[in-house]
């Protein structure tokens, strides 16, 4: 990433990705027990889809800034 971007821009992009990943993990850790308690099941597709949507979500946040 640092070859395509300046060091400052690369650090900013990694920081945004790191922040988005932490928010996604925190949301999953918080909601998984509630989902399992209410529905008595957990779809593993949900866990995968949240990580797959992360790049698009981050791109959207960068574009809004």
N, C-alpha and C. Protein backbone atom coordinates (compact mmCIF):
# COMPACT_ATOMS: atom_id res chain seq x y z
N UNK A 1 0.82 -1.18 0.00
CA UNK A 1 0.00 0.00 0.00
C UNK A 1 0.87 1.25 0.00
N UNK A 2 2.00 1.19 0.66
CA UNK A 2 2.85 2.38 0.75
C UNK A 2 3.50 2.71 -0.58
N UNK A 3 3.60 1.76 -1.51
CA UNK A 3 4.18 2.05 -2.82
C UNK A 3 3.21 2.86 -3.67
N UNK A 4 1.91 2.62 -3.51
CA UNK A 4 0.90 3.31 -4.32
C UNK A 4 0.50 4.64 -3.71
N UNK A 5 0.66 4.78 -2.40
CA UNK A 5 0.24 6.00 -1.72
C UNK A 5 1.42 6.60 -0.97
N UNK A 6 1.29 7.87 -0.68
CA UNK A 6 2.32 8.49 0.16
C UNK A 6 2.22 7.90 1.57
N UNK A 7 3.29 7.96 2.34
CA UNK A 7 3.26 7.36 3.69
C UNK A 7 2.14 7.93 4.58
N UNK A 8 1.90 9.20 4.50
CA UNK A 8 0.84 9.80 5.32
C UNK A 8 -0.54 9.30 4.92
N UNK A 9 -0.78 9.21 3.61
CA UNK A 9 -2.07 8.72 3.12
C UNK A 9 -2.24 7.24 3.45
N UNK A 10 -1.17 6.47 3.33
CA UNK A 10 -1.23 5.04 3.66
C UNK A 10 -1.56 4.85 5.14
N UNK A 11 -0.93 5.63 6.01
CA UNK A 11 -1.22 5.54 7.45
C UNK A 11 -2.68 5.89 7.74
N UNK A 12 -3.18 6.91 7.06
CA UNK A 12 -4.57 7.32 7.26
C UNK A 12 -5.52 6.23 6.80
N UNK A 13 -5.25 5.61 5.65
CA UNK A 13 -6.11 4.54 5.15
C UNK A 13 -6.09 3.33 6.08
N UNK A 14 -4.93 2.96 6.57
CA UNK A 14 -4.82 1.83 7.50
C UNK A 14 -5.54 2.16 8.80
N UNK A 15 -5.44 3.39 9.25
CA UNK A 15 -6.14 3.79 10.46
C UNK A 15 -7.64 3.69 10.32
N UNK A 16 -8.16 4.10 9.18
CA UNK A 16 -9.60 4.01 8.93
C UNK A 16 -10.03 2.55 8.84
N UNK A 17 -9.25 1.72 8.16
CA UNK A 17 -9.56 0.29 8.07
C UNK A 17 -9.54 -0.36 9.45
N UNK A 18 -8.54 -0.02 10.23
CA UNK A 18 -8.42 -0.58 11.58
C UNK A 18 -9.61 -0.16 12.43
N UNK A 19 -9.99 1.09 12.35
CA UNK A 19 -11.13 1.59 13.12
C UNK A 19 -12.42 0.89 12.69
N UNK A 20 -12.62 0.73 11.40
CA UNK A 20 -13.82 0.07 10.90
C UNK A 20 -13.87 -1.39 11.34
N UNK A 21 -12.73 -2.06 11.31
CA UNK A 21 -12.68 -3.45 11.75
C UNK A 21 -13.01 -3.56 13.23
N UNK A 22 -12.50 -2.67 14.04
CA UNK A 22 -12.78 -2.69 15.47
C UNK A 22 -14.26 -2.43 15.75
N UNK A 23 -14.85 -1.50 15.02
CA UNK A 23 -16.28 -1.21 15.20
C UNK A 23 -17.11 -2.42 14.79
N UNK A 24 -16.75 -3.06 13.69
CA UNK A 24 -17.48 -4.24 13.23
C UNK A 24 -17.38 -5.37 14.25
N UNK A 25 -16.18 -5.62 14.76
CA UNK A 25 -16.01 -6.67 15.76
C UNK A 25 -16.77 -6.35 17.04
N UNK A 26 -16.74 -5.11 17.47
CA UNK A 26 -17.46 -4.73 18.69
C UNK A 26 -18.97 -4.91 18.50
N UNK A 27 -19.47 -4.56 17.34
CA UNK A 27 -20.90 -4.73 17.08
C UNK A 27 -21.28 -6.21 17.07
N UNK A 28 -20.44 -7.04 16.48
CA UNK A 28 -20.72 -8.47 16.45
C UNK A 28 -20.66 -9.09 17.84
N UNK A 29 -19.66 -8.73 18.61
CA UNK A 29 -19.52 -9.26 19.97
C UNK A 29 -20.72 -8.86 20.82
N UNK A 30 -21.22 -7.66 20.61
CA UNK A 30 -22.36 -7.18 21.38
C UNK A 30 -23.67 -7.83 20.96
N UNK A 31 -23.87 -8.02 19.66
CA UNK A 31 -25.17 -8.48 19.19
C UNK A 31 -25.32 -9.99 19.08
N UNK A 32 -24.23 -10.72 18.95
CA UNK A 32 -24.34 -12.18 18.79
C UNK A 32 -25.07 -12.83 19.97
N UNK A 33 -24.76 -12.51 21.22
CA UNK A 33 -25.53 -13.14 22.31
C UNK A 33 -27.02 -12.82 22.26
N UNK A 34 -27.37 -11.59 21.85
CA UNK A 34 -28.78 -11.23 21.75
C UNK A 34 -29.47 -11.99 20.63
N UNK A 35 -28.80 -12.14 19.51
CA UNK A 35 -29.36 -12.88 18.38
C UNK A 35 -29.59 -14.33 18.75
N UNK A 36 -28.60 -14.95 19.37
CA UNK A 36 -28.71 -16.36 19.76
C UNK A 36 -29.80 -16.53 20.82
N UNK A 37 -29.88 -15.62 21.78
CA UNK A 37 -30.90 -15.73 22.83
C UNK A 37 -32.31 -15.60 22.26
N UNK A 38 -32.50 -14.71 21.30
CA UNK A 38 -33.84 -14.49 20.76
C UNK A 38 -34.25 -15.51 19.71
N UNK A 39 -33.32 -15.90 18.85
CA UNK A 39 -33.66 -16.76 17.72
C UNK A 39 -33.19 -18.20 17.88
N UNK A 40 -32.39 -18.47 18.91
CA UNK A 40 -31.88 -19.82 19.20
C UNK A 40 -31.02 -20.39 18.07
N UNK A 41 -30.49 -19.52 17.24
CA UNK A 41 -29.59 -19.95 16.17
C UNK A 41 -28.75 -18.76 15.72
N UNK A 42 -27.66 -19.08 15.05
CA UNK A 42 -26.77 -18.03 14.52
C UNK A 42 -26.33 -18.45 13.13
N UNK A 43 -26.57 -17.60 12.18
CA UNK A 43 -26.15 -17.86 10.81
C UNK A 43 -24.69 -17.45 10.66
N UNK A 44 -23.86 -18.37 10.21
CA UNK A 44 -22.45 -18.06 9.99
C UNK A 44 -22.26 -17.16 8.78
N UNK A 45 -23.25 -17.10 7.91
CA UNK A 45 -23.18 -16.21 6.75
C UNK A 45 -23.14 -14.76 7.21
N UNK A 46 -23.81 -14.47 8.31
CA UNK A 46 -23.81 -13.12 8.85
C UNK A 46 -22.40 -12.67 9.21
N UNK A 47 -21.66 -13.54 9.86
CA UNK A 47 -20.29 -13.20 10.25
C UNK A 47 -19.42 -12.94 9.02
N UNK A 48 -19.55 -13.78 8.02
CA UNK A 48 -18.77 -13.62 6.79
C UNK A 48 -19.19 -12.36 6.04
N UNK A 49 -20.48 -12.12 5.94
CA UNK A 49 -20.94 -10.96 5.17
C UNK A 49 -20.51 -9.64 5.81
N UNK A 50 -20.45 -9.58 7.14
CA UNK A 50 -20.00 -8.36 7.79
C UNK A 50 -18.55 -8.05 7.45
N UNK A 51 -17.71 -9.07 7.36
CA UNK A 51 -16.32 -8.83 7.00
C UNK A 51 -16.16 -8.52 5.52
N UNK A 52 -17.04 -9.06 4.68
CA UNK A 52 -16.95 -8.78 3.25
C UNK A 52 -17.44 -7.37 2.92
N UNK A 53 -18.38 -6.86 3.68
CA UNK A 53 -18.91 -5.52 3.40
C UNK A 53 -17.98 -4.43 3.95
N UNK A 54 -17.04 -4.82 4.79
CA UNK A 54 -16.14 -3.86 5.43
C UNK A 54 -15.38 -2.98 4.43
N UNK A 55 -14.80 -3.51 3.35
CA UNK A 55 -14.10 -2.62 2.40
C UNK A 55 -15.02 -1.59 1.76
N UNK A 56 -16.24 -1.98 1.43
CA UNK A 56 -17.18 -1.03 0.83
C UNK A 56 -17.59 0.03 1.84
N UNK A 57 -17.78 -0.38 3.06
CA UNK A 57 -18.15 0.55 4.12
C UNK A 57 -17.02 1.55 4.36
N UNK A 58 -15.81 1.07 4.37
CA UNK A 58 -14.67 1.96 4.57
C UNK A 58 -14.50 2.91 3.41
N UNK A 59 -14.66 2.42 2.20
CA UNK A 59 -14.59 3.27 1.01
C UNK A 59 -15.64 4.36 1.04
N UNK A 60 -16.81 4.00 1.51
CA UNK A 60 -17.89 4.98 1.63
C UNK A 60 -17.55 6.05 2.66
N UNK A 61 -16.96 5.65 3.76
CA UNK A 61 -16.57 6.61 4.79
C UNK A 61 -15.46 7.53 4.29
N UNK A 62 -14.52 7.01 3.52
CA UNK A 62 -13.46 7.84 2.97
C UNK A 62 -14.00 8.83 1.95
N UNK A 63 -14.97 8.37 1.15
CA UNK A 63 -15.54 9.21 0.10
C UNK A 63 -16.36 10.34 0.72
N UNK A 64 -17.01 10.09 1.87
CA UNK A 64 -17.81 11.12 2.53
C UNK A 64 -16.95 12.21 3.15
N UNK A 65 -15.74 11.87 3.54
CA UNK A 65 -14.88 12.84 4.24
C UNK A 65 -14.46 13.99 3.36
